[in-house]
Protein backbone atom coordinates (compact mmCIF):
# COMPACT_ATOMS: atom_id res chain seq x y z
CA UNK A 1 76.63 147.15 129.51
CA UNK A 2 72.85 147.23 129.27
CA UNK A 3 73.17 149.44 126.21
CA UNK A 4 75.10 146.75 124.26
CA UNK A 5 72.49 144.11 125.21
CA UNK A 6 69.67 146.31 123.92
CA UNK A 7 71.46 146.80 120.60
CA UNK A 8 72.04 143.05 120.31
CA UNK A 9 68.33 142.30 120.86
CA UNK A 10 67.28 144.95 118.35
CA UNK A 11 69.57 143.37 115.75
CA UNK A 12 68.09 139.89 116.28
CA UNK A 13 64.54 141.22 116.05
CA UNK A 14 65.46 142.93 112.81
CA UNK A 15 66.71 139.62 111.36
CA UNK A 16 63.53 137.84 112.46
CA UNK A 17 61.32 140.56 111.01
CA UNK A 18 63.22 140.39 107.70
CA UNK A 19 62.66 136.63 107.57
CA UNK A 20 58.98 137.12 108.35
CA UNK A 21 58.67 139.80 105.67
CA UNK A 22 60.35 137.52 103.12
CA UNK A 23 57.95 134.69 104.03
CA UNK A 24 54.93 136.96 103.62
CA UNK A 25 56.15 138.20 100.23
CA UNK A 26 56.81 134.65 98.99
CA UNK A 27 53.37 133.46 100.14
CA UNK A 28 51.75 136.47 98.47
CA UNK A 29 53.48 135.65 95.19
CA UNK A 30 52.35 132.00 95.46
CA UNK A 31 48.75 133.10 96.09
CA UNK A 32 48.80 135.39 93.06
CA UNK A 33 50.30 132.64 90.87
CA UNK A 34 47.68 130.15 92.08
CA UNK A 35 44.90 132.62 91.32
CA UNK A 36 46.26 133.24 87.82
CA UNK A 37 46.41 129.48 87.13
CA UNK A 38 42.86 129.01 88.46
CA UNK A 39 41.40 131.83 86.37
CA UNK A 40 43.34 130.64 83.32
CA UNK A 41 41.98 127.11 83.72
CA UNK A 42 38.40 128.37 84.06
CA UNK A 43 38.71 130.60 81.00
CA UNK A 44 40.29 127.78 78.97
CA UNK A 45 37.53 125.33 79.85
CA UNK A 46 34.81 127.90 79.17
CA UNK A 47 36.17 128.84 75.75
CA UNK A 48 37.03 125.31 74.65
CA UNK A 49 33.74 123.59 75.37
CA UNK A 50 33.29 120.36 73.49
CA UNK A 51 30.02 118.88 72.33
CA UNK A 52 29.45 115.49 73.90
CA UNK A 53 29.36 112.58 71.49
CA UNK A 54 28.87 109.04 72.64
CA UNK A 55 31.09 106.39 71.11
CA UNK A 56 31.11 102.65 71.71
CA UNK A 57 34.15 100.60 70.81
CA UNK A 58 33.11 97.50 68.89
CA UNK A 59 36.13 95.31 68.20
CA UNK A 60 38.68 97.79 66.84
CA UNK A 61 36.19 100.15 65.14
CA UNK A 62 34.21 102.89 66.83
CA UNK A 63 30.45 103.00 66.43
CA UNK A 64 28.52 106.21 66.94
CA UNK A 65 25.34 105.84 68.97
CA UNK A 66 22.51 108.33 68.43
CA UNK A 67 20.23 109.01 71.40
CA UNK A 68 16.52 109.32 70.58
CA UNK A 69 16.10 113.07 71.15
CA UNK A 70 12.70 114.68 70.82
CA UNK A 71 12.08 118.17 69.46
CA UNK A 72 13.99 120.77 71.47
CA UNK A 73 15.61 118.22 73.78
CA UNK A 74 19.22 118.47 74.85
CA UNK A 75 21.46 116.36 77.08
CA UNK A 76 21.46 117.86 80.57
CA UNK A 77 23.74 115.34 82.28
CA UNK A 78 25.29 111.89 82.00
CA UNK A 79 25.86 109.91 85.21
CA UNK A 80 27.56 106.50 85.37
CA UNK A 81 25.79 103.88 87.48
CA UNK A 82 27.23 100.96 89.43
CA UNK A 83 25.60 98.40 87.10
CA UNK A 84 27.57 99.70 84.09
CA UNK A 85 24.75 101.70 82.54
CA UNK A 86 24.68 105.46 82.08
CA UNK A 87 21.77 107.63 83.27
CA UNK A 88 21.31 110.31 80.59
CA UNK A 89 19.05 113.22 81.54
CA UNK A 90 17.36 114.93 78.58
CA UNK A 91 15.76 118.35 79.12
CA UNK A 92 13.22 120.20 76.98
CA UNK A 93 10.51 122.81 77.40
CA UNK A 94 7.98 120.02 77.93
CA UNK A 95 9.88 118.47 80.83
CA UNK A 96 12.66 115.99 81.29
CA UNK A 97 13.40 112.35 80.52
CA UNK A 98 16.00 110.01 81.97
CA UNK A 99 17.34 107.28 79.71
CA UNK A 100 19.26 104.28 81.04
CA UNK A 101 21.77 103.46 78.34
CA UNK A 102 23.96 100.36 78.20
CA UNK A 103 27.26 101.25 76.50
CA UNK A 104 28.25 97.59 76.20
CA UNK A 105 25.06 96.67 74.35
CA UNK A 106 24.72 100.05 72.64
CA UNK A 107 21.02 100.28 73.48
CA UNK A 108 18.53 102.02 75.74
CA UNK A 109 17.49 99.66 78.57
CA UNK A 110 15.04 101.96 80.37
CA UNK A 111 13.31 105.32 80.17
CA UNK A 112 11.66 107.55 82.76
CA UNK A 113 9.49 110.43 81.52
CA UNK A 114 9.32 113.17 84.15
CA UNK A 115 6.74 115.25 82.27
CA UNK A 116 6.31 118.98 82.37
CA UNK A 117 7.44 120.80 85.53
CA UNK A 118 4.67 122.09 87.80
CA UNK A 119 3.82 125.79 87.49
CA UNK A 120 3.83 127.75 90.79
C-alpha cells in the first residue's frame, strides 16, 4: 500500500516540475524577445538620428528660427523651462553659452556666457 502512495506522489511531482519547466522556458523566451526589441530600438535610433531644427508656428505657416551660433558652436542640449522659454546650451572649443529662447516671440530673451573651461 505504501508503494502505490509513493508512485502517486512521484507522478504529482513530475506534473509540477513539468509546469515549472514550461514557465521557465516561456519566461526565457520573453526575456530574449524583450532584449531583441531593446537592441533593435537602440540601433534604429542610433542610425536614424535627425538634426534638430527649430520651427515656430505663426498663424498657419511655419517660420524657421536661426540661432546665433558662433564659429565651431553646436547645440548641446535644449531644455524646456516652466516659464515657456527654452534653455539652449551651445558648446564650442572656447566654452559654452546658454541661450534663453522664447518660442512664442521667436527671439532670444537672455544669454549666459560660461567662457572657456578651466584647465587642470
